[in-house]
Amino acid sequence: MLHFGFLSSRIITQKLLLSNISRYSSATTIVFKNNSDKPDDLSTKPIDLKTPIASTTTNVQQQGDKSTNLVAAAFASLKSETVLSSTKSGVKLRRKNVTDDVIDNATTVDALLLIAEAPIVSRRHALKVVSKLADWSSSGKITISDFETDVRFQKLCRILGRTGTLNNKNTKVQNRTVNVGDDLSTVLGVTGDDEAAKLVATISLSQMVKVLSALAQKRRRSTPLLRSLANNITNSNESLDLKQCADVLYAAAALTFPEVSLLERVCTDLTAKLPLNKDRSAVVGSILTSIGILRYKNTAVLDLISEWIVKHHDICRPQDTFALFLTLAMVSYHPSNSAELYKVILPQLNIADAVKSTVWLDFVWSLIVLNIATEKDIETALNPEFIKRLKDENCLTIASKIKLLNIQGYANTVFDKYTGPTIPEDSEIATVTVVRSREKQALVAAMLDSLGSLLPSTTYLKSNVDTGMGFILDGECLVDGKCNPLPVSEKSDKSGIKIAFMAYDYHDLCRGNRFELNGMNNLAKRLLEKKGYNVIGVSHTEFNPRDKLIRRVQYLESCLKDVVKQHSSN
């Protein structure tokens, strides 16, 4: 069981230890070194919602490489065969690859502080010793008075707080200042996640955000460290500024870490800081894009951002406005000012504003999800020349093909007489195969297995039906007004009640306090209803594939009876 943060006693102990570090150190503050002249890079660059978030800058990676070289230089000296001795413990140790074992196997304060008697002690090992002392103190095994006056402990404190250069017998590192910020880089790059998580409680809120951003840049998804950061950021008494809000959301999206408590904390600060923003459109675009990737449905924030964009539409970049519509579509939400938003903003956007063809495709797809698309909008996306442009730009991916099929399905279903361009039946787009994730496949299989026990034979149940509209109908059946099953075929009695079973796993729902369908699944449901189906959504929150068969069958039967009863009453 991964703990979310630290016990209060542990935090108190660590702060006492930190005060000792400061006492014996010439450094008086804990700082992060930032070699970038443009700290806004993370928060102001919009993220493409269709592709993995891999297009980050290399500045932090280069800095990470330099830090790694620095650490390597420090650890090179540990390869020597120096023999250590302790007059107190009478134990002799060889320095080659045994220092970690000494710390891990130590059972007394004296044995643990033995590491400080080495001629050269790395910051990593000093931190590990101090962290273990903190654990023992918080558990009541020892007290701080047992070691705080020990010269060896004082030496470790000086190591953690000092600045200077590193040397070994083969390499001399010059003009490199090392401080506690570099120690944190050492922890992130060398030591275990548990030690790094402990250090998080001792740094400032701004430093926590920088660590989170660094993890996002390096694509390092350390769950213990992320949970520690989320817990400490959430519980911090400081407020995040607008850029920090954008950075945290970006990192959460890049690392697929939609921790609701963290997102709520960010949005609380965001609602206070956004109205004060007068001219930073890019950071608003970044926030929107991250929220869309996370599928985080916070209606208060979406309303606030929509109002901000309408008010400042004259300074908003087209990509930021496109991001607003795509994010609204991702979470299937019409903001409170939607009438004004659509009236003011929609006329300003055209295909020429789209930097890439996929941007315009996403925009038109957003309009059909929000149910505000016109035939003219749809024609621009299904135009053969536009599709050719997608292909020429190597943007005709599976995701793009599915969106094109969604758009065509919307056109053929919503408009009575759509006469615009369509996708040829023999096109590579029309023959795309929709692939389910492993979790979704398990949920669908359990649902169909349960339906197989409820319906007499496969004659009464169709499964995995390709709708041709960019999604799969998981299960289909036909029943009469008394809930008796009827054969399902093209020649079936049209007076029967058409039932569509759609399974929804974690990725099909929005994040937040309410489990609601995301935009793509909400669109699929609407299109099926337009086709005359009564849709039964089978969510993983209510239907557990690991439940006993009889319980699963009873749940589906209850859903079926409710739909038939509602249909009959209408």
Protein backbone atom coordinates (compact mmCIF):
# COMPACT_ATOMS: atom_id res chain seq x y z
CA MET A 1 0.00 0.00 0.00
CA LEU A 2 1.59 3.27 -1.12
CA HIS A 3 1.28 5.99 1.49
CA PHE A 4 0.11 9.40 0.29
CA GLY A 5 2.53 11.78 2.05
CA PHE A 6 4.05 11.44 5.48
CA LEU A 7 2.90 11.14 9.04
CA SER A 8 2.99 14.43 10.87
CA SER A 9 5.58 13.08 13.30
CA ARG A 10 7.85 12.20 10.41
CA ILE A 11 7.54 15.68 8.94
CA ILE A 12 8.37 17.26 12.30
CA THR A 13 11.42 15.04 12.63
CA GLN A 14 12.59 15.83 9.12
CA LYS A 15 12.22 19.55 9.75
CA LEU A 16 14.29 19.21 12.91
CA LEU A 17 16.93 17.38 10.90
CA LEU A 18 16.78 20.05 8.23
CA SER A 19 17.31 22.73 10.86
CA ASN A 20 20.45 20.87 11.92
CA ILE A 21 21.60 20.79 8.31
CA SER A 22 21.13 24.54 8.09
CA ARG A 23 22.90 25.03 11.46
CA TYR A 24 26.05 23.30 10.30
CA SER A 25 25.98 24.63 6.77
CA SER A 26 27.22 27.82 5.21
CA ALA A 27 24.18 27.78 2.92
CA THR A 28 21.14 29.54 4.35
CA THR A 29 18.51 28.80 1.69
CA ILE A 30 17.42 25.89 -0.42
CA VAL A 31 17.38 26.91 -4.06
CA PHE A 32 16.86 25.38 -7.45
CA LYS A 33 19.18 26.29 -10.23
CA ASN A 34 17.41 27.10 -13.48
CA ASN A 35 19.62 27.61 -16.50
CA SER A 36 16.69 28.35 -18.77
CA ASP A 37 16.03 31.96 -19.74
CA LYS A 38 12.45 31.05 -20.63
CA PRO A 39 10.81 29.26 -17.72
CA ASP A 40 7.44 29.48 -19.46
CA ASP A 41 8.36 26.82 -22.05
CA LEU A 42 6.44 24.10 -20.27
CA SER A 43 3.29 26.09 -19.72
CA THR A 44 2.97 28.14 -22.89
CA LYS A 45 3.44 25.55 -25.60
CA PRO A 46 0.12 23.99 -26.62
CA ILE A 47 -0.05 20.22 -26.59
CA ASP A 48 -1.46 18.22 -29.47
CA LEU A 49 -4.37 16.20 -28.04
CA LYS A 50 -4.07 13.50 -30.68
CA THR A 51 -0.51 12.51 -30.12
CA PRO A 52 1.58 11.40 -27.12
CA ILE A 53 3.16 14.29 -25.30
CA ALA A 54 6.70 13.70 -26.52
CA SER A 55 7.59 17.03 -28.10
CA THR A 56 9.26 18.74 -25.16
CA THR A 57 12.34 20.89 -25.10
CA THR A 58 15.73 19.40 -24.48
CA ASN A 59 17.02 22.03 -22.06
CA VAL A 60 16.10 20.11 -18.92
CA GLN A 61 17.35 16.86 -20.43
CA GLN A 62 20.71 18.49 -21.15
CA GLN A 63 20.84 19.86 -17.63
CA GLY A 64 19.98 16.38 -16.36
CA ASP A 65 22.90 14.94 -18.36
CA LYS A 66 25.26 17.49 -16.82
CA SER A 67 23.95 16.68 -13.36
CA THR A 68 24.44 12.99 -14.06
CA ASN A 69 28.08 13.64 -15.06
CA LEU A 70 28.57 15.57 -11.85
CA VAL A 71 27.16 12.74 -9.78
CA ALA A 72 29.25 10.23 -11.70
CA ALA A 73 32.36 12.23 -10.85
CA ALA A 74 31.41 12.22 -7.18
CA PHE A 75 30.76 8.49 -7.14
CA ALA A 76 33.93 7.61 -9.03
CA SER A 77 35.88 8.04 -5.82
CA LEU A 78 33.81 5.29 -4.19
CA LYS A 79 35.55 2.71 -6.36
CA SER A 80 38.72 2.86 -4.29
CA GLU A 81 39.69 -0.01 -2.00
CA THR A 82 40.07 2.22 1.07
CA VAL A 83 39.61 0.30 4.32
CA LEU A 84 37.62 2.02 7.05
CA SER A 85 37.68 1.20 10.73
CA SER A 86 35.53 2.25 13.68
CA THR A 87 37.13 2.24 17.11
CA LYS A 88 33.70 2.35 18.72
CA SER A 89 32.15 -0.56 16.90
CA GLY A 90 35.28 -2.51 16.13
CA VAL A 91 33.99 -3.15 12.59
CA LYS A 92 36.16 -2.97 9.51
CA LEU A 93 34.59 -2.14 6.13
CA ARG A 94 35.90 -2.16 2.61
CA ARG A 95 34.75 0.81 0.52
CA LYS A 96 34.11 -1.13 -2.67
CA ASN A 97 30.33 -1.40 -3.28
CA VAL A 98 29.48 -1.88 0.40
CA THR A 99 28.38 1.59 1.52
CA ASP A 100 24.70 1.06 0.65
CA ASP A 101 24.78 -2.30 2.43
CA VAL A 102 26.18 -0.65 5.57
CA ILE A 103 23.32 1.85 5.62
CA ASP A 104 20.65 -0.74 4.83
CA ASN A 105 21.87 -3.25 7.40
CA ALA A 106 22.64 -0.80 10.22
CA THR A 107 20.58 -1.42 13.36
CA THR A 108 22.10 1.19 15.70
CA VAL A 109 22.86 4.89 15.47
CA ASP A 110 26.57 4.20 15.87
CA ALA A 111 26.59 1.66 13.04
CA LEU A 112 24.64 4.06 10.81
CA LEU A 113 26.92 7.02 11.48
CA LEU A 114 29.94 4.87 10.71
CA ILE A 115 29.55 5.93 7.09
CA ALA A 116 30.48 9.50 8.09
CA GLU A 117 33.99 8.33 9.05
CA ALA A 118 34.85 7.70 5.42
CA PRO A 119 37.29 10.20 3.88
CA ILE A 120 34.77 10.92 1.11
CA VAL A 121 30.99 10.72 1.63
CA SER A 122 28.60 11.43 -1.25
CA ARG A 123 25.51 13.55 -0.82
CA ARG A 124 23.42 10.56 -1.81
CA HIS A 125 24.70 8.50 1.08
CA ALA A 126 24.50 11.44 3.49
CA LEU A 127 20.87 11.93 2.55
CA LYS A 128 20.18 8.22 2.92
CA VAL A 129 21.64 8.18 6.44
CA VAL A 130 19.69 11.28 7.50
CA SER A 131 16.49 9.81 6.03
CA LYS A 132 16.97 6.59 7.97
CA LEU A 133 17.59 8.54 11.17
CA ALA A 134 14.35 10.41 10.50
CA ASP A 135 12.50 7.11 10.14
CA TRP A 136 13.89 5.77 13.41
CA SER A 137 13.10 9.02 15.22
CA SER A 138 9.51 9.19 13.96
CA SER A 139 8.92 5.56 14.93
CA GLY A 140 10.22 6.18 18.48
CA LYS A 141 13.16 3.84 18.12
CA ILE A 142 15.58 6.67 18.92
CA THR A 143 15.44 10.35 19.84
CA ILE A 144 17.17 13.26 18.17
CA SER A 145 19.25 13.83 21.28
CA ASP A 146 20.88 10.44 20.63
CA PHE A 147 22.80 11.77 17.66
CA GLU A 148 22.38 15.54 17.12
CA THR A 149 25.62 16.40 18.95
CA ASP A 150 27.60 13.57 17.33
CA VAL A 151 30.38 15.05 15.16
CA ARG A 152 29.65 12.42 12.50
CA PHE A 153 26.05 13.59 12.21
CA GLN A 154 27.25 17.19 12.04
CA LYS A 155 29.56 16.19 9.21
CA LEU A 156 26.62 14.72 7.27
CA CYS A 157 24.68 17.95 7.82
CA ARG A 158 27.57 19.97 6.42
CA ILE A 159 27.73 17.67 3.38
CA LEU A 160 24.05 18.22 2.64
CA GLY A 161 24.28 21.97 3.02
CA ARG A 162 27.71 22.91 1.69
CA THR A 163 28.68 24.34 -1.69
CA GLY A 164 31.90 23.67 -3.53
CA THR A 165 33.60 21.54 -6.18
CA LEU A 166 33.96 17.80 -6.56
CA ASN A 167 37.22 16.01 -7.22
CA ASN A 168 38.47 12.46 -7.55
CA LYS A 169 41.79 10.95 -8.42
CA ASN A 170 41.03 10.81 -12.15
CA THR A 171 38.71 13.77 -12.74
CA LYS A 172 38.69 17.34 -11.54
CA VAL A 173 35.37 19.15 -11.82
CA GLN A 174 35.92 22.90 -11.77
CA ASN A 175 33.63 25.92 -11.67
CA ARG A 176 30.63 23.84 -10.66
CA THR A 177 28.57 24.98 -7.67
CA VAL A 178 26.70 22.25 -5.86
CA ASN A 179 23.80 23.07 -3.52
CA VAL A 180 20.72 21.43 -2.09
CA GLY A 181 18.96 21.90 -5.43
CA ASP A 182 21.64 19.72 -7.00
CA ASP A 183 21.21 17.25 -4.16
CA LEU A 184 17.59 16.90 -5.20
CA SER A 185 18.69 16.25 -8.77
CA THR A 186 21.01 13.60 -7.36
CA VAL A 187 18.08 12.03 -5.52
CA LEU A 188 15.90 12.03 -8.62
CA GLY A 189 18.63 10.58 -10.76
CA VAL A 190 20.43 8.17 -8.47
CA THR A 191 18.67 7.26 -5.24
CA GLY A 192 15.45 5.33 -4.71
CA ASP A 193 12.04 6.93 -4.99
CA ASP A 194 11.36 6.56 -1.27
CA GLU A 195 14.31 8.77 -0.34
CA ALA A 196 13.28 11.35 -2.96
CA ALA A 197 9.72 11.31 -1.65
CA LYS A 198 10.97 12.05 1.88
CA LEU A 199 12.91 15.07 0.67
CA VAL A 200 9.82 16.58 -0.98
CA ALA A 201 8.37 17.55 2.40
CA THR A 202 11.40 19.77 3.09
CA ILE A 203 11.33 21.94 -0.04
CA SER A 204 9.22 24.94 -1.02
CA LEU A 205 6.10 24.89 -3.18
CA SER A 206 7.90 26.46 -6.14
CA GLN A 207 10.58 23.77 -5.91
CA MET A 208 7.93 21.04 -5.83
CA VAL A 209 6.48 22.41 -9.06
CA LYS A 210 9.94 22.42 -10.63
CA VAL A 211 10.51 18.81 -9.60
CA LEU A 212 7.14 17.83 -11.09
CA SER A 213 8.03 19.66 -14.30
CA ALA A 214 11.41 17.91 -14.44
CA LEU A 215 9.72 14.53 -14.07
CA ALA A 216 7.40 15.42 -16.94
CA GLN A 217 10.33 16.46 -19.13
CA LYS A 218 12.15 13.20 -18.41
CA ARG A 219 8.96 11.11 -18.74
CA ARG A 220 9.72 9.59 -15.34
CA ARG A 221 6.50 8.33 -13.78
CA SER A 222 7.53 7.43 -10.24
CA THR A 223 4.27 6.75 -8.40
CA PRO A 224 5.65 7.21 -4.82
CA LEU A 225 7.34 10.45 -5.77
CA LEU A 226 4.32 11.74 -7.72
CA ARG A 227 1.99 10.98 -4.83
CA SER A 228 4.30 12.69 -2.38
CA LEU A 229 4.47 15.76 -4.61
CA ALA A 230 0.69 15.75 -5.11
CA ASN A 231 0.06 15.45 -1.38
CA ASN A 232 2.49 18.22 -0.42
CA ILE A 233 1.34 20.60 -3.17
CA THR A 234 -2.29 19.99 -2.25
CA ASN A 235 -1.67 20.67 1.45
CA SER A 236 0.68 23.63 0.99
CA ASN A 237 -0.38 26.93 2.56
CA GLU A 238 1.17 28.84 -0.34
CA SER A 239 -0.77 29.72 -3.48
CA LEU A 240 0.20 28.68 -6.97
CA ASP A 241 0.58 31.47 -9.52
CA LEU A 242 -0.91 31.13 -13.01
CA LYS A 243 2.27 29.74 -14.58
CA GLN A 244 2.67 27.20 -11.79
CA CYS A 245 -0.93 26.09 -12.28
CA ALA A 246 -0.17 25.56 -15.96
CA ASP A 247 3.05 23.67 -15.15
CA VAL A 248 1.34 21.30 -12.71
CA LEU A 249 -1.49 20.58 -15.16
CA TYR A 250 1.02 20.02 -17.96
CA ALA A 251 3.01 17.57 -15.84
CA ALA A 252 -0.13 15.73 -14.74
CA ALA A 253 -1.17 15.37 -18.38
CA ALA A 254 2.30 14.38 -19.60
CA LEU A 255 2.68 11.74 -16.88
CA THR A 256 -0.97 10.57 -17.05
CA PHE A 257 -1.42 11.39 -13.38
CA PRO A 258 -4.99 12.69 -12.96
CA GLU A 259 -4.93 12.85 -9.16
CA VAL A 260 -8.25 14.54 -8.41
CA SER A 261 -7.17 16.21 -5.15
CA LEU A 262 -4.17 17.78 -6.91
CA LEU A 263 -6.29 18.95 -9.84
CA GLU A 264 -8.86 20.45 -7.49
CA ARG A 265 -6.15 22.35 -5.62
CA VAL A 266 -4.74 23.71 -8.87
CA CYS A 267 -8.16 24.77 -10.09
CA THR A 268 -8.87 26.52 -6.79
CA ASP A 269 -5.78 28.70 -7.24
CA LEU A 270 -6.53 29.04 -10.94
CA THR A 271 -9.95 30.58 -10.31
CA ALA A 272 -8.30 33.23 -8.14
CA LYS A 273 -5.41 34.04 -10.50
CA LEU A 274 -7.00 33.85 -13.97
CA PRO A 275 -9.12 37.02 -13.66
CA LEU A 276 -5.91 38.95 -12.92
CA ASN A 277 -4.38 37.78 -16.21
CA LYS A 278 -4.69 40.52 -18.80
CA ASP A 279 -2.53 39.50 -21.74
CA ARG A 280 -1.13 35.97 -21.40
CA SER A 281 -3.16 34.00 -23.90
CA ALA A 282 -0.56 31.26 -24.31
CA VAL A 283 -0.68 30.13 -20.70
CA VAL A 284 -4.49 29.91 -20.92
CA GLY A 285 -4.14 27.78 -24.05
CA SER A 286 -1.72 25.47 -22.25
CA ILE A 287 -4.11 25.09 -19.30
CA LEU A 288 -6.99 24.28 -21.65
CA THR A 289 -4.98 21.70 -23.55
CA SER A 290 -3.83 19.93 -20.39
CA ILE A 291 -7.39 19.82 -19.03
CA GLY A 292 -8.51 18.31 -22.32
CA ILE A 293 -5.83 15.62 -22.24
CA LEU A 294 -6.73 14.78 -18.65
CA ARG A 295 -10.48 14.75 -19.50
CA TYR A 296 -10.89 16.72 -16.28
CA LYS A 297 -14.41 18.11 -16.12
CA ASN A 298 -14.33 21.08 -13.77
CA THR A 299 -17.28 23.14 -14.96
CA ALA A 300 -16.43 26.19 -12.83
CA VAL A 301 -12.96 26.48 -14.40
CA LEU A 302 -14.28 25.86 -17.91
CA ASP A 303 -16.89 28.58 -17.43
CA LEU A 304 -14.23 30.98 -16.14
CA ILE A 305 -11.86 30.30 -19.05
CA SER A 306 -14.67 30.63 -21.60
CA GLU A 307 -15.58 34.01 -20.14
CA TRP A 308 -11.91 35.06 -20.18
CA ILE A 309 -11.53 34.15 -23.86
CA VAL A 310 -14.69 36.02 -24.87
CA LYS A 311 -13.51 39.07 -22.93
CA HIS A 312 -9.97 38.94 -24.35
CA HIS A 313 -10.71 37.45 -27.78
CA ASP A 314 -8.85 40.31 -29.47
CA ILE A 315 -5.51 39.14 -27.99
CA CYS A 316 -6.15 35.38 -28.10
CA ARG A 317 -4.15 33.35 -30.56
CA PRO A 318 -6.17 31.08 -32.91
CA GLN A 319 -4.53 27.95 -31.45
CA ASP A 320 -5.71 28.92 -27.96
CA THR A 321 -9.27 29.36 -29.18
CA PHE A 322 -9.13 26.05 -31.04
CA ALA A 323 -7.90 24.48 -27.79
CA LEU A 324 -10.98 25.79 -25.97
CA PHE A 325 -13.41 24.08 -28.36
CA LEU A 326 -11.45 20.85 -28.39
CA THR A 327 -11.31 20.73 -24.59
CA LEU A 328 -15.03 21.47 -24.29
CA ALA A 329 -15.65 18.61 -26.71
CA MET A 330 -13.33 16.25 -24.86
CA VAL A 331 -15.38 16.61 -21.68
CA SER A 332 -18.68 17.16 -23.55
CA TYR A 333 -19.56 20.46 -21.89
CA HIS A 334 -21.35 23.63 -22.99
CA PRO A 335 -20.13 26.54 -20.82
CA SER A 336 -22.59 28.87 -19.12
CA ASN A 337 -21.80 31.62 -21.66
CA SER A 338 -22.03 29.25 -24.64
CA ALA A 339 -24.49 31.43 -26.58
CA GLU A 340 -22.14 34.42 -26.44
CA LEU A 341 -19.06 32.25 -26.95
CA TYR A 342 -20.37 30.66 -30.14
CA LYS A 343 -21.69 33.98 -31.45
CA VAL A 344 -18.46 35.91 -30.87
CA ILE A 345 -15.74 33.32 -31.45
CA LEU A 346 -17.00 30.92 -34.14
CA PRO A 347 -17.13 33.53 -36.94
CA GLN A 348 -13.49 34.40 -36.25
CA LEU A 349 -12.17 30.89 -36.91
CA ASN A 350 -11.50 29.52 -40.37
CA ILE A 351 -9.40 26.81 -41.96
CA ALA A 352 -6.63 29.29 -42.79
CA ASP A 353 -6.01 29.80 -39.05
CA ALA A 354 -5.15 26.12 -38.58
CA VAL A 355 -1.39 25.67 -38.58
CA LYS A 356 -1.84 21.98 -39.42
CA SER A 357 -4.70 20.17 -41.07
CA THR A 358 -5.25 18.12 -37.92
CA VAL A 359 -6.06 21.32 -36.01
CA TRP A 360 -8.99 22.00 -38.34
CA LEU A 361 -10.07 18.35 -38.22
CA ASP A 362 -10.11 18.51 -34.43
CA PHE A 363 -12.10 21.72 -34.57
CA VAL A 364 -14.81 20.31 -36.85
CA TRP A 365 -14.93 17.15 -34.75
CA SER A 366 -15.38 19.34 -31.67
CA LEU A 367 -18.33 21.06 -33.31
CA ILE A 368 -20.14 17.78 -33.99
CA VAL A 369 -19.51 16.59 -30.43
CA LEU A 370 -20.96 19.86 -29.13
CA ASN A 371 -23.79 19.43 -31.68
CA ILE A 372 -23.29 22.86 -33.24
CA ALA A 373 -21.70 21.88 -36.57
CA THR A 374 -23.21 23.06 -39.84
CA GLU A 375 -23.20 21.21 -43.15
CA LYS A 376 -20.61 23.69 -44.39
CA ASP A 377 -18.30 22.81 -41.49
CA ILE A 378 -18.64 19.12 -42.27
CA GLU A 379 -17.99 19.61 -45.97
CA THR A 380 -14.63 21.25 -45.22
CA ALA A 381 -13.49 18.15 -43.31
CA LEU A 382 -14.83 15.51 -45.72
CA ASN A 383 -13.57 17.34 -48.80
CA PRO A 384 -11.25 14.99 -50.77
CA GLU A 385 -8.64 17.73 -51.07
CA PHE A 386 -8.57 18.21 -47.31
CA ILE A 387 -8.23 14.46 -46.74
CA LYS A 388 -5.39 14.40 -49.27
CA ARG A 389 -3.74 17.21 -47.34
CA LEU A 390 -4.01 15.12 -44.16
CA LYS A 391 -2.32 12.24 -45.93
CA ASP A 392 0.42 14.43 -47.42
CA GLU A 393 1.23 15.76 -43.95
CA ASN A 394 1.42 12.17 -42.60
CA CYS A 395 -1.50 13.01 -40.31
CA LEU A 396 -3.93 10.36 -41.51
CA THR A 397 -3.54 8.32 -38.34
CA ILE A 398 -6.04 5.92 -36.81
CA ALA A 399 -7.25 8.73 -34.54
CA SER A 400 -7.79 11.02 -37.56
CA LYS A 401 -9.61 8.29 -39.48
CA ILE A 402 -11.94 7.67 -36.54
CA LYS A 403 -12.73 11.37 -36.30
CA LEU A 404 -13.48 11.53 -40.02
CA LEU A 405 -15.86 8.57 -39.66
CA ASN A 406 -17.46 10.28 -36.66
CA ILE A 407 -18.02 13.39 -38.78
CA GLN A 408 -19.52 11.42 -41.65
CA GLY A 409 -21.73 9.44 -39.28
CA TYR A 410 -22.96 12.71 -37.79
CA ALA A 411 -23.69 14.14 -41.25
CA ASN A 412 -25.66 11.09 -42.40
CA THR A 413 -27.56 10.77 -39.13
CA VAL A 414 -28.31 14.32 -37.99
CA PHE A 415 -29.01 15.99 -41.33
CA ASP A 416 -32.01 14.67 -43.25
CA LYS A 417 -30.54 15.23 -46.69
CA TYR A 418 -26.80 15.65 -46.51
CA THR A 419 -25.50 16.15 -50.05
CA GLY A 420 -21.90 17.04 -49.34
CA PRO A 421 -18.77 14.93 -49.95
CA THR A 422 -18.46 11.54 -48.26
CA ILE A 423 -15.73 8.97 -47.68
CA PRO A 424 -15.66 6.26 -50.41
CA GLU A 425 -16.55 2.78 -49.14
CA ASP A 426 -13.29 1.31 -50.45
CA SER A 427 -11.19 4.03 -48.82
CA GLU A 428 -8.54 3.15 -46.25
CA ILE A 429 -10.47 5.39 -43.88
CA ALA A 430 -13.72 3.42 -44.19
CA THR A 431 -11.94 0.15 -43.47
CA VAL A 432 -10.12 1.28 -40.31
CA THR A 433 -10.29 -1.17 -37.42
CA VAL A 434 -11.14 0.19 -33.99
CA VAL A 435 -8.95 -1.56 -31.40
CA ARG A 436 -9.96 -1.82 -27.76
CA SER A 437 -7.56 -1.65 -24.85
CA ARG A 438 -6.95 -4.80 -22.79
CA GLU A 439 -9.07 -3.48 -19.92
CA LYS A 440 -11.92 -2.54 -22.25
CA GLN A 441 -11.78 -5.91 -23.96
CA ALA A 442 -12.06 -7.70 -20.59
CA LEU A 443 -15.08 -5.58 -19.66
CA VAL A 444 -16.80 -6.22 -23.01
CA ALA A 445 -16.08 -9.97 -22.81
CA ALA A 446 -17.60 -10.18 -19.31
CA MET A 447 -20.66 -8.24 -20.44
CA LEU A 448 -21.23 -10.45 -23.52
CA ASP A 449 -20.70 -13.59 -21.44
CA SER A 450 -23.39 -12.38 -19.02
CA LEU A 451 -25.76 -11.50 -21.86
CA GLY A 452 -25.22 -14.96 -23.28
CA SER A 453 -26.74 -16.37 -20.10
CA LEU A 454 -29.62 -13.92 -20.27
CA LEU A 455 -30.55 -14.42 -23.95
CA PRO A 456 -31.37 -17.89 -25.35
CA SER A 457 -28.84 -18.01 -28.21
CA THR A 458 -26.64 -15.94 -30.51
CA THR A 459 -29.69 -15.48 -32.74
CA TYR A 460 -30.91 -12.98 -30.17
CA LEU A 461 -27.61 -11.20 -29.62
CA LYS A 462 -25.21 -9.50 -32.01
CA SER A 463 -21.80 -8.46 -30.73
CA ASN A 464 -18.90 -6.28 -31.85
CA VAL A 465 -20.93 -4.55 -34.56
CA ASP A 466 -18.93 -2.14 -36.71
CA THR A 467 -21.25 0.85 -37.07
CA GLY A 468 -19.18 2.47 -39.82
CA MET A 469 -19.28 5.67 -37.76
CA GLY A 470 -15.90 5.28 -36.06
CA PHE A 471 -16.93 3.14 -33.09
CA ILE A 472 -18.05 -0.40 -32.25
CA LEU A 473 -21.47 -1.32 -30.90
CA ASP A 474 -20.52 -3.80 -28.17
CA GLY A 475 -23.80 -5.69 -28.01
CA GLU A 476 -27.21 -5.50 -29.69
CA CYS A 477 -30.53 -7.20 -29.00
CA LEU A 478 -34.22 -6.80 -29.76
CA VAL A 479 -37.07 -7.29 -27.26
CA ASP A 480 -40.82 -6.84 -27.19
CA GLY A 481 -42.89 -4.81 -24.73
CA LYS A 482 -42.74 -7.62 -22.16
CA CYS A 483 -38.96 -7.88 -22.35
CA ASN A 484 -39.07 -11.13 -24.32
CA PRO A 485 -36.13 -11.46 -26.72
CA LEU A 486 -36.68 -11.36 -30.48
CA PRO A 487 -34.28 -12.57 -33.20
CA VAL A 488 -31.84 -9.91 -34.36
CA SER A 489 -31.44 -9.66 -38.13
CA GLU A 490 -31.98 -7.26 -40.99
CA LYS A 491 -35.48 -8.68 -41.41
CA SER A 492 -36.38 -8.47 -37.72
CA ASP A 493 -39.74 -7.12 -36.65
CA LYS A 494 -39.27 -3.36 -36.63
CA SER A 495 -41.86 -3.00 -33.89
CA GLY A 496 -39.42 -4.44 -31.38
CA ILE A 497 -37.37 -2.32 -29.00
CA LYS A 498 -33.78 -1.98 -30.24
CA ILE A 499 -31.26 -2.20 -27.43
CA ALA A 500 -27.59 -1.23 -27.72
CA PHE A 501 -25.18 -2.30 -24.95
CA MET A 502 -22.10 -0.10 -24.65
CA ALA A 503 -19.33 -0.93 -22.15
CA TYR A 504 -17.49 2.02 -20.58
CA ASP A 505 -14.16 1.63 -18.81
CA TYR A 506 -12.06 4.20 -16.95
CA HIS A 507 -10.81 5.85 -20.14
CA ASP A 508 -14.33 6.35 -21.51
CA LEU A 509 -15.31 8.63 -18.64
CA CYS A 510 -14.32 12.14 -17.58
CA ARG A 511 -12.14 12.71 -14.54
CA GLY A 512 -13.54 14.57 -11.58
CA ASN A 513 -16.16 14.08 -8.92
CA ARG A 514 -18.80 12.82 -11.34
CA PHE A 515 -18.52 9.85 -13.68
CA GLU A 516 -19.74 11.20 -17.00
CA LEU A 517 -19.07 10.07 -20.55
CA ASN A 518 -16.27 11.85 -22.35
CA GLY A 519 -16.98 13.59 -25.64
CA MET A 520 -16.30 10.72 -28.02
CA ASN A 521 -18.52 8.26 -26.15
CA ASN A 522 -21.25 10.82 -25.65
CA LEU A 523 -21.23 11.39 -29.42
CA ALA A 524 -21.49 7.64 -30.09
CA LYS A 525 -24.46 7.38 -27.73
CA ARG A 526 -26.24 10.27 -29.47
CA LEU A 527 -25.69 8.79 -32.90
CA LEU A 528 -27.03 5.41 -31.80
CA GLU A 529 -30.10 7.06 -30.34
CA LYS A 530 -30.62 8.85 -33.65
CA LYS A 531 -30.54 5.40 -35.26
CA GLY A 532 -33.40 4.30 -33.04
CA TYR A 533 -31.47 2.44 -30.33
CA ASN A 534 -32.10 2.56 -26.61
CA VAL A 535 -28.57 2.68 -25.21
CA ILE A 536 -27.66 0.81 -22.03
CA GLY A 537 -24.31 1.99 -20.73
CA VAL A 538 -22.43 -0.64 -18.73
CA SER A 539 -19.84 1.22 -16.68
CA HIS A 540 -16.92 -0.37 -14.88
CA THR A 541 -18.04 1.56 -11.79
CA GLU A 542 -21.19 -0.57 -11.53
CA PHE A 543 -20.39 -3.74 -13.46
CA ASN A 544 -17.44 -5.74 -12.17
CA PRO A 545 -16.15 -8.47 -14.52
CA ARG A 546 -14.87 -10.37 -11.45
CA ASP A 547 -18.30 -10.60 -9.84
CA LYS A 548 -20.13 -13.91 -9.88
CA LEU A 549 -22.01 -14.63 -13.09
CA ILE A 550 -25.42 -14.58 -11.44
CA ARG A 551 -24.81 -11.10 -10.05
CA ARG A 552 -23.68 -9.78 -13.43
CA VAL A 553 -26.71 -11.31 -15.16
CA GLN A 554 -29.07 -9.81 -12.60
CA TYR A 555 -27.56 -6.37 -13.11
CA LEU A 556 -27.96 -6.49 -16.91
CA GLU A 557 -31.49 -7.89 -16.62
CA SER A 558 -32.43 -5.02 -14.32
CA CYS A 559 -31.03 -2.48 -16.80
CA LEU A 560 -32.94 -4.13 -19.64
CA LYS A 561 -36.25 -4.07 -17.75
CA ASP A 562 -35.77 -0.40 -16.83
CA VAL A 563 -35.28 0.56 -20.48
CA VAL A 564 -38.30 -1.45 -21.63
CA LYS A 565 -40.44 0.08 -18.88
CA GLN A 566 -39.34 3.59 -19.80
CA HIS A 567 -39.91 2.92 -23.51
CA SER A 568 -43.41 1.58 -22.86
CA SER A 569 -44.34 4.61 -20.74
CA ASN A 570 -43.37 6.93 -23.57
